[in-house]
All heavy atoms as atom14 arrays in JSON, in Angstrom:
{
  "sequence": "IGGQFERVNGTLCNNLARLNADGTLDTSFSVGTGTNNWVSSLVV",
  "atom14_mask": [
    [1, 1, 1, 1, 1, 1, 1, 1, 0, 0, 0, 0, 0, 0],
    [1, 1, 1, 1, 0, 0, 0, 0, 0, 0, 0, 0, 0, 0],
    [1, 1, 1, 1, 0, 0, 0, 0, 0, 0, 0, 0, 0, 0],
    [1, 1, 1, 1, 1, 1, 1, 1, 1, 0, 0, 0, 0, 0],
    [1, 1, 1, 1, 1, 1, 1, 1, 1, 1, 1, 0, 0, 0],
    [1, 1, 1, 1, 1, 1, 1, 1, 1, 0, 0, 0, 0, 0],
    [1, 1, 1, 1, 1, 1, 1, 1, 1, 1, 1, 0, 0, 0],
    [1, 1, 1, 1, 1, 1, 1, 0, 0, 0, 0, 0, 0, 0],
    [1, 1, 1, 1, 1, 1, 1, 1, 0, 0, 0, 0, 0, 0],
    [1, 1, 1, 1, 0, 0, 0, 0, 0, 0, 0, 0, 0, 0],
    [1, 1, 1, 1, 1, 1, 1, 0, 0, 0, 0, 0, 0, 0],
    [1, 1, 1, 1, 1, 1, 1, 1, 0, 0, 0, 0, 0, 0],
    [1, 1, 1, 1, 1, 1, 0, 0, 0, 0, 0, 0, 0, 0],
    [1, 1, 1, 1, 1, 1, 1, 1, 0, 0, 0, 0, 0, 0],
    [1, 1, 1, 1, 1, 1, 1, 1, 0, 0, 0, 0, 0, 0],
    [1, 1, 1, 1, 1, 1, 1, 1, 0, 0, 0, 0, 0, 0],
    [1, 1, 1, 1, 1, 0, 0, 0, 0, 0, 0, 0, 0, 0],
    [1, 1, 1, 1, 1, 1, 1, 1, 1, 1, 1, 0, 0, 0],
    [1, 1, 1, 1, 1, 1, 1, 1, 0, 0, 0, 0, 0, 0],
    [1, 1, 1, 1, 1, 1, 1, 1, 0, 0, 0, 0, 0, 0],
    [1, 1, 1, 1, 1, 0, 0, 0, 0, 0, 0, 0, 0, 0],
    [1, 1, 1, 1, 1, 1, 1, 1, 0, 0, 0, 0, 0, 0],
    [1, 1, 1, 1, 0, 0, 0, 0, 0, 0, 0, 0, 0, 0],
    [1, 1, 1, 1, 1, 1, 1, 0, 0, 0, 0, 0, 0, 0],
    [1, 1, 1, 1, 1, 1, 1, 1, 0, 0, 0, 0, 0, 0],
    [1, 1, 1, 1, 1, 1, 1, 1, 0, 0, 0, 0, 0, 0],
    [1, 1, 1, 1, 1, 1, 1, 0, 0, 0, 0, 0, 0, 0],
    [1, 1, 1, 1, 1, 1, 0, 0, 0, 0, 0, 0, 0, 0],
    [1, 1, 1, 1, 1, 1, 1, 1, 1, 1, 1, 0, 0, 0],
    [1, 1, 1, 1, 1, 1, 0, 0, 0, 0, 0, 0, 0, 0],
    [1, 1, 1, 1, 1, 1, 1, 0, 0, 0, 0, 0, 0, 0],
    [1, 1, 1, 1, 0, 0, 0, 0, 0, 0, 0, 0, 0, 0],
    [1, 1, 1, 1, 1, 1, 1, 0, 0, 0, 0, 0, 0, 0],
    [1, 1, 1, 1, 0, 0, 0, 0, 0, 0, 0, 0, 0, 0],
    [1, 1, 1, 1, 1, 1, 1, 0, 0, 0, 0, 0, 0, 0],
    [1, 1, 1, 1, 1, 1, 1, 1, 0, 0, 0, 0, 0, 0],
    [1, 1, 1, 1, 1, 1, 1, 1, 0, 0, 0, 0, 0, 0],
    [1, 1, 1, 1, 1, 1, 1, 1, 1, 1, 1, 1, 1, 1],
    [1, 1, 1, 1, 1, 1, 1, 0, 0, 0, 0, 0, 0, 0],
    [1, 1, 1, 1, 1, 1, 0, 0, 0, 0, 0, 0, 0, 0],
    [1, 1, 1, 1, 1, 1, 0, 0, 0, 0, 0, 0, 0, 0],
    [1, 1, 1, 1, 1, 1, 1, 1, 0, 0, 0, 0, 0, 0],
    [1, 1, 1, 1, 1, 1, 1, 0, 0, 0, 0, 0, 0, 0],
    [1, 1, 1, 1, 1, 1, 1, 0, 0, 0, 0, 0, 0, 0]
  ],
  "atom14_positions": [
    [[131.01, 102.07, 113.21], [131.08, 103.42, 113.76], [129.76, 103.78, 114.41], [128.69, 103.34, 113.99], [131.44, 104.47, 112.69], [130.36, 104.52, 111.59], [132.8, 104.2, 112.08], [130.55, 105.68, 110.61], [0.0, 0.0, 0.0], [0.0, 0.0, 0.0], [0.0, 0.0, 0.0], [0.0, 0.0, 0.0], [0.0, 0.0, 0.0], [0.0, 0.0, 0.0]],
    [[129.84, 104.53, 115.48], [128.65, 105.0, 116.18], [128.82, 106.45, 116.56], [129.93, 106.95, 116.7], [0.0, 0.0, 0.0], [0.0, 0.0, 0.0], [0.0, 0.0, 0.0], [0.0, 0.0, 0.0], [0.0, 0.0, 0.0], [0.0, 0.0, 0.0], [0.0, 0.0, 0.0], [0.0, 0.0, 0.0], [0.0, 0.0, 0.0], [0.0, 0.0, 0.0]],
    [[127.72, 107.14, 116.72], [127.8, 108.55, 117.09], [126.46, 109.22, 116.99], [125.43, 108.68, 117.41], [0.0, 0.0, 0.0], [0.0, 0.0, 0.0], [0.0, 0.0, 0.0], [0.0, 0.0, 0.0], [0.0, 0.0, 0.0], [0.0, 0.0, 0.0], [0.0, 0.0, 0.0], [0.0, 0.0, 0.0], [0.0, 0.0, 0.0], [0.0, 0.0, 0.0]],
    [[126.48, 110.42, 116.38], [125.28, 111.22, 116.23], [125.25, 111.73, 114.79], [125.72, 112.81, 114.48], [125.3, 112.38, 117.24], [123.97, 113.06, 117.42], [123.98, 114.02, 118.59], [125.02, 114.38, 119.12], [122.81, 114.45, 119.03], [0.0, 0.0, 0.0], [0.0, 0.0, 0.0], [0.0, 0.0, 0.0], [0.0, 0.0, 0.0], [0.0, 0.0, 0.0]],
    [[124.74, 110.89, 113.91], [124.66, 111.24, 112.49], [123.41, 110.6, 111.9], [122.8, 109.7, 112.49], [125.91, 110.79, 111.74], [126.3, 109.36, 111.94], [125.74, 108.35, 111.18], [127.26, 109.0, 112.9], [126.11, 107.02, 111.35], [127.63, 107.68, 113.08], [127.05, 106.68, 112.31], [0.0, 0.0, 0.0], [0.0, 0.0, 0.0], [0.0, 0.0, 0.0]],
    [[123.04, 111.06, 110.71], [121.83, 110.55, 110.07], [122.13, 109.61, 108.91], [121.45, 108.61, 108.73], [120.97, 111.71, 109.56], [120.33, 112.54, 110.64], [119.41, 113.61, 110.08], [119.32, 113.73, 108.83], [118.81, 114.34, 110.88], [0.0, 0.0, 0.0], [0.0, 0.0, 0.0], [0.0, 0.0, 0.0], [0.0, 0.0, 0.0], [0.0, 0.0, 0.0]],
    [[123.13, 109.95, 108.11], [123.36, 109.22, 106.87], [124.84, 108.94, 106.65], [125.7, 109.67, 107.15], [122.81, 110.01, 105.67], [121.32, 110.29, 105.77], [120.85, 111.21, 104.65], [119.46, 111.61, 104.87], [118.42, 110.9, 104.46], [118.61, 109.78, 103.78], [117.2, 111.31, 104.73], [0.0, 0.0, 0.0], [0.0, 0.0, 0.0], [0.0, 0.0, 0.0]],
    [[125.1, 107.91, 105.89], [126.43, 107.61, 105.39], [126.33, 107.51, 103.88], [125.56, 106.69, 103.35], [126.98, 106.3, 105.98], [128.28, 105.92, 105.29], [127.22, 106.44, 107.48], [0.0, 0.0, 0.0], [0.0, 0.0, 0.0], [0.0, 0.0, 0.0], [0.0, 0.0, 0.0], [0.0, 0.0, 0.0], [0.0, 0.0, 0.0], [0.0, 0.0, 0.0]],
    [[127.07, 108.38, 103.21], [127.01, 108.41, 101.74], [125.58, 108.45, 101.21], [125.23, 107.78, 100.25], [127.75, 107.21, 101.15], [129.24, 107.27, 101.4], [129.75, 108.31, 101.8], [129.93, 106.18, 101.19], [0.0, 0.0, 0.0], [0.0, 0.0, 0.0], [0.0, 0.0, 0.0], [0.0, 0.0, 0.0], [0.0, 0.0, 0.0], [0.0, 0.0, 0.0]],
    [[124.75, 109.24, 101.9], [123.38, 109.43, 101.45], [122.38, 108.42, 101.93], [121.17, 108.6, 101.75], [0.0, 0.0, 0.0], [0.0, 0.0, 0.0], [0.0, 0.0, 0.0], [0.0, 0.0, 0.0], [0.0, 0.0, 0.0], [0.0, 0.0, 0.0], [0.0, 0.0, 0.0], [0.0, 0.0, 0.0], [0.0, 0.0, 0.0], [0.0, 0.0, 0.0]],
    [[122.83, 107.34, 102.56], [121.93, 106.28, 103.04], [121.57, 106.52, 104.51], [122.45, 106.71, 105.34], [122.58, 104.9, 102.88], [122.88, 104.67, 101.51], [121.65, 103.8, 103.38], [0.0, 0.0, 0.0], [0.0, 0.0, 0.0], [0.0, 0.0, 0.0], [0.0, 0.0, 0.0], [0.0, 0.0, 0.0], [0.0, 0.0, 0.0], [0.0, 0.0, 0.0]],
    [[120.28, 106.47, 104.81], [119.82, 106.66, 106.18], [120.28, 105.51, 107.05], [120.05, 104.34, 106.75], [118.29, 106.75, 106.21], [117.67, 107.02, 107.6], [118.0, 108.43, 108.05], [116.15, 106.81, 107.54], [0.0, 0.0, 0.0], [0.0, 0.0, 0.0], [0.0, 0.0, 0.0], [0.0, 0.0, 0.0], [0.0, 0.0, 0.0], [0.0, 0.0, 0.0]],
    [[120.95, 105.81, 108.15], [121.4, 104.79, 109.13], [121.71, 105.5, 110.43], [122.86, 105.57, 110.84], [122.6, 104.0, 108.61], [123.96, 105.02, 108.04], [0.0, 0.0, 0.0], [0.0, 0.0, 0.0], [0.0, 0.0, 0.0], [0.0, 0.0, 0.0], [0.0, 0.0, 0.0], [0.0, 0.0, 0.0], [0.0, 0.0, 0.0], [0.0, 0.0, 0.0]],
    [[120.68, 106.02, 111.06], [120.85, 106.91, 112.2], [121.81, 106.36, 113.25], [121.54, 105.36, 113.91], [119.49, 107.18, 112.86], [118.64, 108.14, 112.04], [119.12, 109.18, 111.61], [117.39, 107.77, 111.81], [0.0, 0.0, 0.0], [0.0, 0.0, 0.0], [0.0, 0.0, 0.0], [0.0, 0.0, 0.0], [0.0, 0.0, 0.0], [0.0, 0.0, 0.0]],
    [[122.94, 107.06, 113.4], [123.87, 106.9, 114.53], [124.7, 105.63, 114.53], [125.53, 105.46, 115.44], [123.1, 107.01, 115.85], [122.24, 108.25, 115.91], [122.68, 109.33, 115.55], [120.99, 108.1, 116.33], [0.0, 0.0, 0.0], [0.0, 0.0, 0.0], [0.0, 0.0, 0.0], [0.0, 0.0, 0.0], [0.0, 0.0, 0.0], [0.0, 0.0, 0.0]],
    [[124.5, 104.71, 113.55], [125.22, 103.44, 113.59], [125.4, 102.91, 112.17], [124.46, 102.92, 111.38], [124.45, 102.42, 114.43], [125.08, 101.04, 114.64], [126.35, 101.16, 115.47], [124.08, 100.1, 115.32], [0.0, 0.0, 0.0], [0.0, 0.0, 0.0], [0.0, 0.0, 0.0], [0.0, 0.0, 0.0], [0.0, 0.0, 0.0], [0.0, 0.0, 0.0]],
    [[126.62, 102.45, 111.87], [126.86, 101.9, 110.53], [128.1, 101.02, 110.58], [128.93, 101.11, 111.5], [127.06, 103.02, 109.51], [0.0, 0.0, 0.0], [0.0, 0.0, 0.0], [0.0, 0.0, 0.0], [0.0, 0.0, 0.0], [0.0, 0.0, 0.0], [0.0, 0.0, 0.0], [0.0, 0.0, 0.0], [0.0, 0.0, 0.0], [0.0, 0.0, 0.0]],
    [[128.22, 100.16, 109.57], [129.47, 99.41, 109.38], [130.03, 99.79, 108.02], [129.3, 99.85, 107.02], [129.22, 97.9, 109.48], [130.52, 97.08, 109.53], [130.26, 95.61, 109.87], [129.52, 94.95, 108.81], [128.89, 93.78, 108.97], [128.87, 93.19, 110.14], [128.22, 93.23, 107.96], [0.0, 0.0, 0.0], [0.0, 0.0, 0.0], [0.0, 0.0, 0.0]],
    [[131.33, 100.04, 108.01], [132.01, 100.46, 106.79], [132.91, 99.35, 106.28], [133.5, 98.6, 107.06], [132.86, 101.71, 107.05], [132.17, 102.89, 107.72], [133.15, 104.04, 107.86], [130.93, 103.31, 106.96], [0.0, 0.0, 0.0], [0.0, 0.0, 0.0], [0.0, 0.0, 0.0], [0.0, 0.0, 0.0], [0.0, 0.0, 0.0], [0.0, 0.0, 0.0]],
    [[133.02, 99.24, 104.97], [133.98, 98.34, 104.37], [135.39, 98.89, 104.57], [135.58, 100.04, 105.01], [133.69, 98.18, 102.88], [132.35, 97.5, 102.62], [132.08, 96.45, 103.19], [131.52, 98.1, 101.78], [0.0, 0.0, 0.0], [0.0, 0.0, 0.0], [0.0, 0.0, 0.0], [0.0, 0.0, 0.0], [0.0, 0.0, 0.0], [0.0, 0.0, 0.0]],
    [[136.38, 98.1, 104.23], [137.77, 98.51, 104.42], [138.11, 99.77, 103.64], [139.02, 100.52, 104.03], [138.71, 97.37, 104.03], [0.0, 0.0, 0.0], [0.0, 0.0, 0.0], [0.0, 0.0, 0.0], [0.0, 0.0, 0.0], [0.0, 0.0, 0.0], [0.0, 0.0, 0.0], [0.0, 0.0, 0.0], [0.0, 0.0, 0.0], [0.0, 0.0, 0.0]],
    [[137.38, 100.03, 102.55], [137.65, 101.23, 101.75], [136.82, 102.42, 102.2], [136.86, 103.48, 101.58], [137.42, 100.96, 100.27], [135.96, 100.62, 99.95], [135.15, 100.51, 100.9], [135.64, 100.45, 98.76], [0.0, 0.0, 0.0], [0.0, 0.0, 0.0], [0.0, 0.0, 0.0], [0.0, 0.0, 0.0], [0.0, 0.0, 0.0], [0.0, 0.0, 0.0]],
    [[136.04, 102.27, 103.28], [135.26, 103.37, 103.81], [133.86, 103.48, 103.28], [133.08, 104.29, 103.77], [0.0, 0.0, 0.0], [0.0, 0.0, 0.0], [0.0, 0.0, 0.0], [0.0, 0.0, 0.0], [0.0, 0.0, 0.0], [0.0, 0.0, 0.0], [0.0, 0.0, 0.0], [0.0, 0.0, 0.0], [0.0, 0.0, 0.0], [0.0, 0.0, 0.0]],
    [[133.51, 102.68, 102.27], [132.15, 102.7, 101.77], [131.21, 102.02, 102.76], [131.63, 101.21, 103.59], [132.04, 101.99, 100.4], [132.53, 100.65, 100.54], [132.88, 102.72, 99.36], [0.0, 0.0, 0.0], [0.0, 0.0, 0.0], [0.0, 0.0, 0.0], [0.0, 0.0, 0.0], [0.0, 0.0, 0.0], [0.0, 0.0, 0.0], [0.0, 0.0, 0.0]],
    [[129.94, 102.34, 102.66], [128.95, 101.75, 103.55], [128.8, 100.27, 103.25], [128.62, 99.86, 102.1], [127.61, 102.46, 103.36], [126.46, 101.98, 104.24], [126.75, 102.29, 105.7], [125.15, 102.64, 103.81], [0.0, 0.0, 0.0], [0.0, 0.0, 0.0], [0.0, 0.0, 0.0], [0.0, 0.0, 0.0], [0.0, 0.0, 0.0], [0.0, 0.0, 0.0]],
    [[128.85, 99.45, 104.3], [128.63, 98.01, 104.17], [127.12, 97.76, 104.25], [126.53, 97.74, 105.32], [129.36, 97.28, 105.29], [129.16, 95.77, 105.23], [128.47, 95.3, 104.31], [129.69, 95.07, 106.1], [0.0, 0.0, 0.0], [0.0, 0.0, 0.0], [0.0, 0.0, 0.0], [0.0, 0.0, 0.0], [0.0, 0.0, 0.0], [0.0, 0.0, 0.0]],
    [[126.5, 97.57, 103.09], [125.05, 97.44, 103.04], [124.55, 96.09, 103.55], [123.35, 95.9, 103.74], [124.55, 97.65, 101.61], [125.22, 96.74, 100.73], [124.82, 99.08, 101.15], [0.0, 0.0, 0.0], [0.0, 0.0, 0.0], [0.0, 0.0, 0.0], [0.0, 0.0, 0.0], [0.0, 0.0, 0.0], [0.0, 0.0, 0.0], [0.0, 0.0, 0.0]],
    [[125.49, 95.14, 103.81], [125.06, 93.86, 104.38], [124.78, 93.97, 105.87], [124.26, 93.04, 106.48], [126.13, 92.79, 104.13], [127.31, 93.06, 104.87], [0.0, 0.0, 0.0], [0.0, 0.0, 0.0], [0.0, 0.0, 0.0], [0.0, 0.0, 0.0], [0.0, 0.0, 0.0], [0.0, 0.0, 0.0], [0.0, 0.0, 0.0], [0.0, 0.0, 0.0]],
    [[125.14, 95.11, 106.46], [124.85, 95.4, 107.87], [123.75, 96.46, 107.86], [124.01, 97.65, 107.75], [126.1, 95.9, 108.58], [125.94, 96.15, 110.06], [125.98, 95.11, 110.97], [125.77, 97.44, 110.54], [125.86, 95.34, 112.33], [125.64, 97.68, 111.91], [125.69, 96.63, 112.79], [0.0, 0.0, 0.0], [0.0, 0.0, 0.0], [0.0, 0.0, 0.0]],
    [[122.51, 96.02, 107.96], [121.37, 96.93, 107.81], [120.8, 97.29, 109.16], [120.32, 96.42, 109.9], [120.29, 96.27, 106.94], [119.16, 97.11, 106.85], [0.0, 0.0, 0.0], [0.0, 0.0, 0.0], [0.0, 0.0, 0.0], [0.0, 0.0, 0.0], [0.0, 0.0, 0.0], [0.0, 0.0, 0.0], [0.0, 0.0, 0.0], [0.0, 0.0, 0.0]],
    [[120.84, 98.58, 109.49], [120.32, 99.05, 110.78], [118.92, 99.63, 110.65], [118.37, 100.12, 111.65], [121.27, 100.09, 111.41], [122.65, 99.52, 111.59], [121.32, 101.38, 110.58], [0.0, 0.0, 0.0], [0.0, 0.0, 0.0], [0.0, 0.0, 0.0], [0.0, 0.0, 0.0], [0.0, 0.0, 0.0], [0.0, 0.0, 0.0], [0.0, 0.0, 0.0]],
    [[118.34, 99.6, 109.46], [117.02, 100.19, 109.29], [117.05, 101.67, 109.58], [117.87, 102.4, 109.03], [0.0, 0.0, 0.0], [0.0, 0.0, 0.0], [0.0, 0.0, 0.0], [0.0, 0.0, 0.0], [0.0, 0.0, 0.0], [0.0, 0.0, 0.0], [0.0, 0.0, 0.0], [0.0, 0.0, 0.0], [0.0, 0.0, 0.0], [0.0, 0.0, 0.0]],
    [[116.19, 102.13, 110.47], [116.2, 103.54, 110.86], [117.2, 103.82, 111.98], [117.3, 104.95, 112.46], [114.8, 103.98, 111.32], [114.36, 103.12, 112.38], [113.81, 103.9, 110.17], [0.0, 0.0, 0.0], [0.0, 0.0, 0.0], [0.0, 0.0, 0.0], [0.0, 0.0, 0.0], [0.0, 0.0, 0.0], [0.0, 0.0, 0.0], [0.0, 0.0, 0.0]],
    [[117.94, 102.79, 112.41], [118.98, 102.99, 113.41], [118.44, 103.29, 114.79], [117.33, 102.89, 115.15], [0.0, 0.0, 0.0], [0.0, 0.0, 0.0], [0.0, 0.0, 0.0], [0.0, 0.0, 0.0], [0.0, 0.0, 0.0], [0.0, 0.0, 0.0], [0.0, 0.0, 0.0], [0.0, 0.0, 0.0], [0.0, 0.0, 0.0], [0.0, 0.0, 0.0]],
    [[119.22, 104.02, 115.59], [118.82, 104.38, 116.95], [118.2, 105.77, 116.94], [118.49, 106.59, 116.07], [120.02, 104.36, 117.91], [120.99, 105.32, 117.48], [120.65, 102.98, 117.96], [0.0, 0.0, 0.0], [0.0, 0.0, 0.0], [0.0, 0.0, 0.0], [0.0, 0.0, 0.0], [0.0, 0.0, 0.0], [0.0, 0.0, 0.0], [0.0, 0.0, 0.0]],
    [[117.38, 106.06, 117.95], [116.7, 107.35, 117.99], [117.5, 108.41, 118.74], [117.03, 109.53, 118.92], [115.31, 107.21, 118.63], [115.38, 106.84, 120.1], [116.29, 106.12, 120.52], [114.42, 107.31, 120.88], [0.0, 0.0, 0.0], [0.0, 0.0, 0.0], [0.0, 0.0, 0.0], [0.0, 0.0, 0.0], [0.0, 0.0, 0.0], [0.0, 0.0, 0.0]],
    [[118.7, 108.07, 119.19], [119.61, 109.05, 119.77], [121.02, 108.49, 119.68], [121.23, 107.41, 119.15], [119.21, 109.38, 121.22], [119.43, 110.85, 121.55], [120.41, 111.45, 121.11], [118.53, 111.45, 122.31], [0.0, 0.0, 0.0], [0.0, 0.0, 0.0], [0.0, 0.0, 0.0], [0.0, 0.0, 0.0], [0.0, 0.0, 0.0], [0.0, 0.0, 0.0]],
    [[121.97, 109.21, 120.23], [123.37, 108.91, 119.91], [123.87, 107.59, 120.48], [123.39, 107.08, 121.48], [124.28, 110.05, 120.33], [124.52, 110.2, 121.81], [125.32, 109.44, 122.59], [123.99, 111.22, 122.67], [125.33, 109.9, 123.89], [124.53, 110.99, 123.96], [123.14, 112.31, 122.47], [124.22, 111.83, 125.04], [122.84, 113.12, 123.55], [123.37, 112.87, 124.81]],
    [[124.89, 107.06, 119.81], [125.64, 105.87, 120.23], [126.99, 106.34, 120.77], [127.68, 107.12, 120.13], [125.85, 104.9, 119.04], [126.84, 103.8, 119.4], [124.52, 104.3, 118.61], [0.0, 0.0, 0.0], [0.0, 0.0, 0.0], [0.0, 0.0, 0.0], [0.0, 0.0, 0.0], [0.0, 0.0, 0.0], [0.0, 0.0, 0.0], [0.0, 0.0, 0.0]],
    [[127.35, 105.87, 121.96], [128.59, 106.33, 122.59], [129.62, 105.23, 122.78], [130.78, 105.53, 123.07], [128.28, 106.97, 123.95], [127.55, 106.1, 124.77], [0.0, 0.0, 0.0], [0.0, 0.0, 0.0], [0.0, 0.0, 0.0], [0.0, 0.0, 0.0], [0.0, 0.0, 0.0], [0.0, 0.0, 0.0], [0.0, 0.0, 0.0], [0.0, 0.0, 0.0]],
    [[129.23, 103.96, 122.66], [130.18, 102.88, 122.92], [129.85, 101.68, 122.05], [128.68, 101.36, 121.84], [130.16, 102.49, 124.4], [131.18, 101.56, 124.7], [0.0, 0.0, 0.0], [0.0, 0.0, 0.0], [0.0, 0.0, 0.0], [0.0, 0.0, 0.0], [0.0, 0.0, 0.0], [0.0, 0.0, 0.0], [0.0, 0.0, 0.0], [0.0, 0.0, 0.0]],
    [[130.9, 101.01, 121.57], [130.74, 99.84, 120.7], [131.75, 98.76, 121.1], [132.9, 99.07, 121.44], [131.01, 100.21, 119.24], [130.06, 101.18, 118.56], [130.67, 101.67, 117.25], [128.71, 100.52, 118.3], [0.0, 0.0, 0.0], [0.0, 0.0, 0.0], [0.0, 0.0, 0.0], [0.0, 0.0, 0.0], [0.0, 0.0, 0.0], [0.0, 0.0, 0.0]],
    [[131.32, 97.51, 121.03], [132.23, 96.37, 121.17], [131.84, 95.36, 120.09], [130.68, 94.96, 119.99], [132.13, 95.7, 122.55], [132.95, 94.41, 122.57], [132.62, 96.64, 123.64], [0.0, 0.0, 0.0], [0.0, 0.0, 0.0], [0.0, 0.0, 0.0], [0.0, 0.0, 0.0], [0.0, 0.0, 0.0], [0.0, 0.0, 0.0], [0.0, 0.0, 0.0]],
    [[132.81, 94.98, 119.26], [132.58, 93.96, 118.24], [133.08, 92.63, 118.77], [134.26, 92.5, 119.14], [133.26, 94.31, 116.91], [133.05, 93.2, 115.89], [132.7, 95.62, 116.37], [0.0, 0.0, 0.0], [0.0, 0.0, 0.0], [0.0, 0.0, 0.0], [0.0, 0.0, 0.0], [0.0, 0.0, 0.0], [0.0, 0.0, 0.0], [0.0, 0.0, 0.0]]
  ]
}
């Protein structure tokens, strides 16, 4: 998921994260401090 957010379930991951099938944060995908502004498009 990408957009304009700071955290997922309390974990800092600015604007970008990967979620497990149950919606929890996938901590094996570490974005550090993420992007400094919004994400508008993604291709996996």
